[in-house]
Amino acid sequence: MTSSSTLDEDLGDAKDESCSDKCKKALKTLLGILYATLTGVLFATATTAVNIAESHGIPTFQILFLAYVSLFIFAVLLCAFHRENVFKAGSKTVAVLLSTGFFRWLALLLSYFAYMYVAFGDVTAIVRGITPVLTPLLAFCFLHEQWTMVEVSLTALNIIGVVAVAGPFNMFVESTPIEVGNLTDSAVDNKTETPINTNAAIGYSLTVGCGISFSLSYILARSLGDGGTVYCRLFYDSLTGTVLSLVPLLVVTTHPVWSMAPALAATIALYCVVDAVALFALYRSFQLEFAATVSMLLNIEVVATYIYQATIFREAPNPFKLAGASIIMLSSVLIAIIKWRRKQKQEGERKTLLQDYTSLTDNETLLNNNPGR
């Protein structure tokens, strides 16, 4: 009788614990979605600030250097506040973190150069179209995450959206020269005036390289799982970016601009702060959610960037680009929903198996305690 009572109490505790675990997992998924969505909006804000800075003649490497130095200070303060020993991480973890930092730095560099040739809304839309294609493929190959035929079909739809945004049928057609990146009617940009086909070919090539680099950084970040805290990741990411930005700033950049108007300085400061917070939210989302799902949710950046482009730069996207961006958003959201439902199903199946195993173990224990029955 005592054994039966004890067993009932243990089962009751197991049910309570199971319910608690279910709530925690649901909250974890929700937080991952919120962090990824916030990251997309913040990245769009940072992208807009970069375009404003570049339109006022601030060198690209200088923008990157200022952003990474600010991020490094932010990371050091976080590590000190949380008493995080970043040098305690294993050599393999440090190697992955440094590689992640390199590919993110490369992606940012390529995107900032791409802004000089094509509209930054188009760059964002294409990058957010490429990463959902490459990230699940790389996750399938290296992280063994599932990739179904439905997702392959949606990926193909995503590529159609990218094609609509890029408009490759116009890429190699000669046209009249245009001015790129005017900030206001009175602020005329002094960027080179080359035919559209040249600008588009260079800009979209840089954009594709950016998308590939971002996908590699996402997979590397996801490969660590819960390993390496957010503070540790921020530290090594910012350290890598600071070093990589400092060298070309000193060697390549001949005329860095250190004296600037208060409004421009405030814009760059806004970029540095927003970029740091966005990266923190990005790494946190990777700890809470699948890499593919995070890359899908980041597509909110496409909408936010086009809004900034139309309101601040007064460069409204044409119907083809809007249609392409809508296709990218739709296919990305559908893939994210599929992956979320699959995750819930896997968690349910795992819970059922655990309950069956627990029940079988309890029955064996009862039989052993009552051999005469």
Protein backbone atom coordinates (compact mmCIF):
# COMPACT_ATOMS: atom_id res chain seq x y z
CA MET A 1 0.00 0.00 0.00
CA THR A 2 2.86 2.28 0.87
CA SER A 3 4.55 1.52 -2.45
CA SER A 4 1.33 2.34 -4.30
CA SER A 5 0.99 5.68 -2.50
CA THR A 6 4.59 6.55 -3.19
CA LEU A 7 4.13 5.65 -6.84
CA ASP A 8 1.03 7.84 -7.11
CA GLU A 9 2.92 10.76 -5.57
CA ASP A 10 5.84 10.27 -7.98
CA LEU A 11 3.47 10.16 -10.94
CA GLY A 12 1.76 13.31 -9.70
CA ASP A 13 5.12 15.07 -9.40
CA ALA A 14 6.06 13.86 -12.88
CA LYS A 15 2.83 15.31 -14.33
CA ASP A 16 3.44 18.64 -12.59
CA GLU A 17 7.01 18.69 -13.83
CA SER A 18 5.87 17.78 -17.34
CA CYS A 19 3.37 20.64 -17.34
CA SER A 20 6.03 23.00 -16.06
CA ASP A 21 8.48 21.86 -18.72
CA LYS A 22 5.83 22.34 -21.41
CA CYS A 23 5.22 25.92 -20.30
CA LYS A 24 8.94 26.61 -20.20
CA LYS A 25 9.43 25.25 -23.70
CA ALA A 26 6.50 27.28 -25.04
CA LEU A 27 7.92 30.40 -23.40
CA LYS A 28 11.35 29.61 -24.83
CA THR A 29 9.89 29.38 -28.34
CA LEU A 30 7.94 32.62 -27.88
CA LEU A 31 11.02 34.45 -26.65
CA GLY A 32 13.02 33.14 -29.61
CA ILE A 33 10.38 34.46 -32.03
CA LEU A 34 10.23 37.85 -30.28
CA TYR A 35 14.02 38.22 -30.22
CA ALA A 36 14.30 37.32 -33.92
CA THR A 37 11.53 39.76 -34.91
CA LEU A 38 13.07 42.56 -32.83
CA THR A 39 16.42 41.84 -34.47
CA GLY A 40 14.92 42.36 -37.93
CA VAL A 41 13.45 45.77 -37.05
CA LEU A 42 16.66 46.91 -35.37
CA PHE A 43 18.80 45.79 -38.31
CA ALA A 44 16.55 47.80 -40.66
CA THR A 45 17.08 50.87 -38.47
CA ALA A 46 20.85 50.29 -38.46
CA THR A 47 20.87 49.87 -42.26
CA THR A 48 19.09 53.19 -42.70
CA ALA A 49 21.58 54.93 -40.42
CA VAL A 50 24.48 53.49 -42.44
CA ASN A 51 22.99 54.82 -45.68
CA ILE A 52 22.63 58.28 -44.17
CA ALA A 53 26.25 58.19 -43.02
CA GLU A 54 27.53 56.98 -46.42
CA SER A 55 25.49 59.63 -48.24
CA HIS A 56 27.38 62.24 -46.20
CA GLY A 57 30.76 60.83 -47.22
CA ILE A 58 31.67 58.77 -44.14
CA PRO A 59 34.01 55.93 -45.30
CA THR A 60 32.64 52.39 -45.02
CA PHE A 61 35.54 51.04 -42.97
CA GLN A 62 35.20 53.94 -40.55
CA ILE A 63 31.51 53.16 -40.04
CA LEU A 64 32.33 49.51 -39.41
CA PHE A 65 35.17 50.37 -37.03
CA LEU A 66 33.03 52.73 -34.94
CA ALA A 67 30.23 50.17 -34.75
CA TYR A 68 32.53 47.35 -33.68
CA VAL A 69 34.41 49.43 -31.13
CA SER A 70 31.08 50.40 -29.56
CA LEU A 71 30.00 46.75 -29.65
CA PHE A 72 33.27 45.69 -28.02
CA ILE A 73 32.80 48.19 -25.17
CA PHE A 74 29.19 47.01 -24.77
CA ALA A 75 30.34 43.37 -24.65
CA VAL A 76 33.09 44.06 -22.10
CA LEU A 77 30.65 45.89 -19.84
CA LEU A 78 28.15 43.01 -20.08
CA CYS A 79 30.85 40.45 -19.31
CA ALA A 80 32.06 42.48 -16.32
CA PHE A 81 28.53 42.98 -14.98
CA HIS A 82 27.67 39.28 -15.28
CA ARG A 83 31.19 38.20 -14.23
CA GLU A 84 31.60 36.23 -17.41
CA ASN A 85 35.07 34.76 -17.99
CA VAL A 86 35.26 34.74 -21.78
CA PHE A 87 38.72 33.16 -21.71
CA LYS A 88 37.32 30.06 -20.05
CA ALA A 89 35.69 28.90 -23.28
CA GLY A 90 37.28 25.91 -24.99
CA SER A 91 39.51 26.29 -28.02
CA LYS A 92 36.86 24.76 -30.32
CA THR A 93 34.21 27.19 -29.07
CA VAL A 94 36.55 30.15 -29.50
CA ALA A 95 37.41 29.03 -33.05
CA VAL A 96 33.71 28.82 -33.97
CA LEU A 97 33.00 32.22 -32.38
CA LEU A 98 35.89 33.87 -34.24
CA SER A 99 34.72 32.30 -37.50
CA THR A 100 31.18 33.52 -36.85
CA GLY A 101 32.51 37.01 -36.23
CA PHE A 102 34.53 36.94 -39.44
CA PHE A 103 31.61 35.92 -41.66
CA ARG A 104 29.31 38.49 -40.05
CA TRP A 105 31.93 41.21 -40.55
CA LEU A 106 32.36 40.15 -44.19
CA ALA A 107 28.58 40.16 -44.72
CA LEU A 108 28.27 43.68 -43.31
CA LEU A 109 31.18 44.92 -45.40
CA LEU A 110 29.71 43.52 -48.62
CA SER A 111 26.26 44.91 -47.85
CA TYR A 112 27.63 48.40 -47.10
CA PHE A 113 29.46 48.45 -50.42
CA ALA A 114 26.33 47.14 -52.17
CA TYR A 115 24.36 50.14 -50.86
CA MET A 116 26.54 52.36 -53.06
CA TYR A 117 25.25 50.68 -56.23
CA VAL A 118 21.64 49.61 -55.60
CA ALA A 119 18.82 50.68 -53.30
CA PHE A 120 19.36 49.41 -49.76
CA GLY A 121 15.79 48.08 -49.64
CA ASP A 122 16.59 45.79 -52.58
CA VAL A 123 19.81 44.63 -50.90
CA THR A 124 17.91 43.75 -47.73
CA ALA A 125 15.16 41.92 -49.64
CA ILE A 126 17.63 39.82 -51.63
CA VAL A 127 19.79 38.98 -48.62
CA ARG A 128 16.72 37.95 -46.65
CA GLY A 129 15.70 35.85 -49.64
CA ILE A 130 19.08 34.13 -49.97
CA THR A 131 19.57 33.28 -46.29
CA PRO A 132 16.35 31.21 -45.98
CA VAL A 133 17.53 29.22 -49.01
CA LEU A 134 21.09 28.59 -47.86
CA THR A 135 20.53 28.36 -44.10
CA PRO A 136 18.15 25.34 -44.18
CA LEU A 137 20.36 23.66 -46.78
CA LEU A 138 23.49 24.11 -44.66
CA ALA A 139 21.58 23.16 -41.51
CA PHE A 140 20.39 20.01 -43.27
CA CYS A 141 23.92 19.12 -44.39
CA PHE A 142 25.90 19.98 -41.25
CA LEU A 143 23.43 20.22 -38.33
CA HIS A 144 21.15 17.39 -39.53
CA GLU A 145 18.02 19.55 -39.27
CA GLN A 146 15.10 18.28 -41.35
CA TRP A 147 14.30 19.81 -44.77
CA THR A 148 11.17 18.47 -46.48
CA MET A 149 9.97 18.70 -50.09
CA VAL A 150 7.36 21.26 -49.06
CA GLU A 151 10.14 23.47 -47.75
CA VAL A 152 12.12 22.90 -50.94
CA SER A 153 9.10 24.09 -52.94
CA LEU A 154 8.71 27.16 -50.74
CA THR A 155 12.42 27.81 -51.13
CA ALA A 156 11.93 27.82 -54.92
CA LEU A 157 9.12 30.34 -54.43
CA ASN A 158 11.50 32.39 -52.32
CA ILE A 159 14.02 32.43 -55.17
CA ILE A 160 11.31 33.70 -57.54
CA GLY A 161 10.77 36.58 -55.15
CA VAL A 162 14.49 37.34 -55.13
CA VAL A 163 14.52 37.37 -58.94
CA ALA A 164 11.58 39.79 -58.99
CA VAL A 165 13.35 42.15 -56.59
CA ALA A 166 16.71 42.01 -58.37
CA GLY A 167 15.19 42.34 -61.85
CA PRO A 168 18.10 40.56 -63.59
CA PHE A 169 16.38 41.04 -66.94
CA ASN A 170 17.33 44.73 -66.64
CA MET A 171 20.76 44.13 -65.15
CA PHE A 172 22.66 43.99 -68.43
CA VAL A 173 20.59 46.51 -70.38
CA GLU A 174 22.22 49.84 -71.04
CA SER A 175 20.40 52.84 -69.67
CA THR A 176 21.01 56.49 -68.91
CA PRO A 177 23.18 57.37 -65.94
CA ILE A 178 21.44 58.03 -62.65
CA GLU A 179 22.31 59.55 -59.30
CA VAL A 180 22.38 57.03 -56.48
CA GLY A 181 21.38 57.56 -52.88
CA ASN A 182 20.16 61.16 -52.69
CA LEU A 183 19.23 61.94 -49.12
CA THR A 184 17.25 65.12 -49.75
CA ASP A 185 16.45 67.38 -52.67
CA SER A 186 19.22 69.75 -51.61
CA ALA A 187 21.80 67.10 -50.67
CA VAL A 188 23.20 65.84 -53.97
CA ASP A 189 25.33 62.74 -53.72
CA ASN A 190 28.72 62.80 -55.40
CA LYS A 191 28.94 59.09 -56.11
CA THR A 192 30.13 57.89 -59.49
CA GLU A 193 27.63 58.12 -62.30
CA THR A 194 27.93 54.87 -64.22
CA PRO A 195 25.33 53.11 -66.35
CA ILE A 196 22.66 51.18 -64.49
CA ASN A 197 23.82 47.82 -65.84
CA THR A 198 27.27 48.23 -64.24
CA ASN A 199 25.86 49.42 -60.93
CA ALA A 200 23.34 46.58 -60.83
CA ALA A 201 25.88 43.88 -61.73
CA ILE A 202 28.30 45.02 -59.03
CA GLY A 203 25.62 45.73 -56.43
CA TYR A 204 23.78 42.43 -56.80
CA SER A 205 27.03 40.45 -56.87
CA LEU A 206 28.01 42.03 -53.57
CA THR A 207 24.52 41.31 -52.26
CA VAL A 208 24.75 37.60 -53.10
CA GLY A 209 28.11 37.40 -51.35
CA CYS A 210 26.54 39.12 -48.35
CA GLY A 211 23.73 36.58 -48.20
CA ILE A 212 26.17 33.66 -48.36
CA SER A 213 28.30 35.15 -45.56
CA PHE A 214 25.29 35.75 -43.34
CA SER A 215 24.10 32.15 -43.86
CA LEU A 216 27.49 30.80 -42.84
CA SER A 217 27.51 32.98 -39.72
CA TYR A 218 23.99 31.78 -38.78
CA ILE A 219 24.96 28.12 -39.12
CA LEU A 220 28.13 28.58 -37.08
CA ALA A 221 26.19 30.41 -34.37
CA ARG A 222 23.54 27.71 -34.29
CA SER A 223 26.14 24.90 -34.21
CA LEU A 224 27.09 25.93 -30.69
CA GLY A 225 23.52 25.45 -29.43
CA ASP A 226 23.45 26.61 -25.83
CA GLY A 227 27.23 26.53 -25.70
CA GLY A 228 28.94 29.88 -25.28
CA THR A 229 26.88 32.52 -23.54
CA VAL A 230 25.50 35.54 -25.37
CA TYR A 231 28.07 37.73 -23.64
CA CYS A 232 30.90 35.46 -24.75
CA ARG A 233 29.61 35.50 -28.33
CA LEU A 234 29.32 39.28 -28.34
CA PHE A 235 32.85 39.63 -26.99
CA TYR A 236 34.51 37.50 -29.66
CA ASP A 237 32.30 38.87 -32.44
CA SER A 238 33.14 42.47 -31.55
CA LEU A 239 36.84 41.66 -31.05
CA THR A 240 37.03 40.05 -34.50
CA GLY A 241 35.18 42.91 -36.19
CA THR A 242 37.25 45.60 -34.45
CA VAL A 243 40.54 44.08 -35.57
CA LEU A 244 39.33 43.40 -39.11
CA SER A 245 37.95 46.96 -39.46
CA LEU A 246 40.97 48.72 -37.95
CA VAL A 247 43.51 47.37 -40.44
CA PRO A 248 41.79 48.60 -43.66
CA LEU A 249 40.81 51.83 -41.89
CA LEU A 250 44.49 52.60 -41.36
CA VAL A 251 45.73 51.21 -44.68
CA VAL A 252 42.95 51.77 -47.25
CA THR A 253 40.94 54.73 -45.95
CA THR A 254 42.83 57.92 -46.84
CA HIS A 255 40.41 60.54 -45.55
CA PRO A 256 38.44 59.40 -42.48
CA VAL A 257 35.92 61.97 -41.23
CA TRP A 258 36.27 62.55 -37.49
CA SER A 259 34.77 66.05 -37.38
CA MET A 260 31.09 66.00 -38.33
CA ALA A 261 27.81 67.81 -37.73
CA PRO A 262 25.93 66.95 -34.51
CA ALA A 263 23.03 65.40 -36.45
CA LEU A 264 25.37 63.11 -38.39
CA ALA A 265 27.27 62.17 -35.23
CA ALA A 266 23.95 61.33 -33.56
CA THR A 267 23.00 59.15 -36.54
CA ILE A 268 26.25 57.18 -36.29
CA ALA A 269 25.82 56.87 -32.52
CA LEU A 270 22.28 55.57 -33.09
CA TYR A 271 23.64 53.01 -35.54
CA CYS A 272 26.27 51.80 -33.06
CA VAL A 273 23.74 51.37 -30.24
CA VAL A 274 21.05 49.75 -32.39
CA ASP A 275 23.52 47.37 -34.02
CA ALA A 276 24.83 46.23 -30.62
CA VAL A 277 21.34 45.59 -29.25
CA ALA A 278 20.30 43.83 -32.49
CA LEU A 279 23.29 41.49 -32.35
CA PHE A 280 22.56 40.68 -28.71
CA ALA A 281 18.96 39.82 -29.64
CA LEU A 282 20.16 37.79 -32.65
CA TYR A 283 22.50 35.58 -30.64
CA ARG A 284 19.85 35.15 -27.95
CA SER A 285 17.31 34.03 -30.56
CA PHE A 286 19.76 31.43 -31.89
CA GLN A 287 19.95 29.93 -28.42
CA LEU A 288 16.18 29.68 -28.23
CA GLU A 289 15.07 28.72 -31.75
CA PHE A 290 16.14 26.82 -34.89
CA ALA A 291 18.60 28.60 -37.20
CA ALA A 292 16.21 28.33 -40.16
CA THR A 293 13.29 29.74 -38.17
CA VAL A 294 15.35 32.71 -37.00
CA SER A 295 16.47 33.49 -40.55
CA MET A 296 12.82 33.42 -41.69
CA LEU A 297 11.63 35.78 -38.96
CA LEU A 298 14.40 38.21 -39.79
CA ASN A 299 12.51 38.92 -43.02
CA ILE A 300 10.54 41.55 -41.12
CA GLU A 301 13.63 43.62 -41.87
CA VAL A 302 12.52 43.75 -45.54
CA VAL A 303 9.26 45.50 -44.67
CA ALA A 304 10.90 47.89 -42.22
CA THR A 305 13.70 48.76 -44.68
CA TYR A 306 11.30 49.55 -47.52
CA ILE A 307 9.31 51.79 -45.16
CA TYR A 308 12.50 53.66 -44.20
CA GLN A 309 13.56 53.89 -47.84
CA ALA A 310 10.21 55.36 -48.93
CA THR A 311 9.83 57.80 -46.01
CA ILE A 312 13.39 58.99 -45.35
CA PHE A 313 15.07 58.62 -48.74
CA ARG A 314 11.87 59.06 -50.75
CA GLU A 315 12.77 56.12 -53.02
CA ALA A 316 9.56 54.15 -53.40
CA PRO A 317 10.08 50.58 -54.71
CA ASN A 318 8.37 49.69 -57.98
CA PRO A 319 5.55 47.11 -58.19
CA PHE A 320 7.92 44.30 -59.26
CA LYS A 321 10.09 44.82 -56.20
CA LEU A 322 7.09 45.01 -53.90
CA ALA A 323 5.68 41.82 -55.41
CA GLY A 324 9.03 40.08 -55.03
CA ALA A 325 9.39 41.21 -51.42
CA SER A 326 5.84 40.00 -50.70
CA ILE A 327 6.66 36.57 -52.18
CA ILE A 328 9.81 36.38 -50.06
CA MET A 329 7.87 37.31 -46.93
CA LEU A 330 5.05 34.85 -47.66
CA SER A 331 7.31 31.87 -48.38
CA SER A 332 9.50 32.67 -45.38
CA VAL A 333 6.55 32.89 -43.01
CA LEU A 334 5.13 29.59 -44.33
CA ILE A 335 8.46 27.84 -43.82
CA ALA A 336 8.72 29.29 -40.32
CA ILE A 337 5.23 27.98 -39.49
CA ILE A 338 6.10 24.53 -40.85
CA LYS A 339 9.26 24.36 -38.78
CA TRP A 340 7.45 25.59 -35.67
CA ARG A 341 4.73 22.93 -36.04
CA ARG A 342 7.36 20.26 -36.65
CA LYS A 343 9.16 21.29 -33.50
CA GLN A 344 5.94 21.09 -31.49
CA LYS A 345 5.23 17.65 -32.95
CA GLN A 346 8.72 16.42 -32.10
CA GLU A 347 8.37 17.70 -28.56
CA GLY A 348 5.00 15.91 -28.24
CA GLU A 349 6.43 12.64 -29.58
CA ARG A 350 9.39 12.90 -27.23
CA LYS A 351 7.06 13.49 -24.30
CA THR A 352 4.92 10.46 -25.26
CA LEU A 353 7.99 8.22 -25.50
CA LEU A 354 9.18 9.45 -22.12
CA GLN A 355 5.80 8.75 -20.54
CA ASP A 356 5.69 5.23 -22.06
CA TYR A 357 9.19 4.53 -20.81
CA THR A 358 8.32 5.83 -17.35
CA SER A 359 5.16 3.71 -17.25
CA LEU A 360 7.08 0.59 -18.32
CA THR A 361 9.76 1.21 -15.71
CA ASP A 362 7.16 1.71 -12.99
CA ASN A 363 5.41 -1.55 -13.93
CA GLU A 364 8.68 -3.45 -13.78
CA THR A 365 9.39 -1.92 -10.37
CA LEU A 366 5.98 -3.02 -9.08
CA LEU A 367 6.52 -6.57 -10.35
CA ASN A 368 9.92 -6.73 -8.69
CA ASN A 369 8.50 -5.47 -5.40
CA ASN A 370 5.64 -7.98 -5.58
CA PRO A 371 7.15 -11.16 -7.02
CA GLY A 372 4.24 -13.32 -5.84
CA ARG A 373 1.71 -11.49 -8.01
